Protein backbone atom coordinates (compact mmCIF):
# COMPACT_ATOMS: atom_id res chain seq x y z
CA MET A 1 0.02 0.00 0.00
CA LYS A 2 2.85 2.38 0.81
CA ASN A 3 4.35 1.60 -2.59
CA ILE A 4 1.16 2.75 -4.36
CA VAL A 5 0.89 5.90 -2.25
CA SER A 6 4.53 6.81 -2.95
CA LYS A 7 4.03 6.26 -6.68
CA VAL A 8 0.94 8.46 -6.70
CA GLN A 9 2.78 11.19 -4.78
CA ARG A 10 5.73 10.99 -7.14
CA PHE A 11 3.35 11.20 -10.15
CA LEU A 12 1.60 14.27 -8.77
CA LYS A 13 4.89 16.02 -7.99
CA SER A 14 6.41 15.19 -11.37
CA GLU A 15 6.51 18.06 -13.85
CA ASP A 16 7.36 16.05 -16.94
CA GLY A 17 3.80 15.81 -18.19
CA PRO A 18 2.88 19.48 -17.93
CA THR A 19 6.25 20.51 -19.37
CA ALA A 20 5.74 18.29 -22.41
CA VAL A 21 2.25 19.76 -22.93
CA GLU A 22 3.66 23.29 -22.70
CA TYR A 23 6.32 22.50 -25.28
CA ALA A 24 3.72 20.95 -27.58
CA ILE A 25 1.55 24.04 -27.35
CA MET A 26 4.49 26.34 -28.02
CA LEU A 27 5.52 24.24 -31.01
CA ALA A 28 1.99 24.33 -32.41
CA LEU A 29 1.88 28.13 -32.07
CA ILE A 30 5.26 28.52 -33.72
CA VAL A 31 4.17 26.30 -36.62
CA ILE A 32 0.98 28.31 -37.08
CA VAL A 33 2.86 31.61 -37.11
CA CYS A 34 5.43 30.24 -39.60
CA LEU A 35 2.73 28.96 -41.93
CA ALA A 36 0.90 32.27 -41.82
CA ALA A 37 4.13 34.17 -42.57
CA ILE A 38 5.04 31.86 -45.43
CA GLN A 39 1.57 32.21 -46.93
CA SER A 40 1.72 35.98 -46.64
CA VAL A 41 5.14 36.20 -48.25
CA GLY A 42 4.06 33.84 -51.05
CA THR A 43 0.96 35.87 -51.75
CA ASN A 44 2.87 39.15 -51.83
CA ALA A 45 5.61 37.67 -54.03
CA SER A 46 3.04 36.26 -56.45
CA ALA A 47 1.30 39.63 -56.69
CA ARG A 48 4.63 41.41 -57.28
CA PHE A 49 5.66 38.95 -60.01
CA THR A 50 2.26 39.36 -61.67
CA ASP A 51 2.70 43.14 -61.66
CA ILE A 52 6.16 42.86 -63.16
CA SER A 53 4.94 40.44 -65.79
CA ASN A 54 2.12 42.74 -66.74
CA GLN A 55 4.47 45.69 -67.01
CA LEU A 56 6.85 43.74 -69.22
CA ALA A 57 4.02 42.54 -71.46
CA THR A 58 2.65 46.06 -71.97
CA PRO A 59 4.27 47.66 -75.02
CA THR A 60 5.66 51.12 -74.48
CA ASN A 61 5.84 53.44 -77.47
């Protein structure tokens, strides 16, 4: 019985579980921010290349 009680106390005092959850949440937030930034940069680059293409295709006299 003492063995079970000591294991339960050790489990409740352990910080490995909450720390792993915190790292997982931080990783998920970092991935979301990176994906949003990559999408934004890609959209802006695509728009810029389209503008340049249109300017090059337009004949100037």
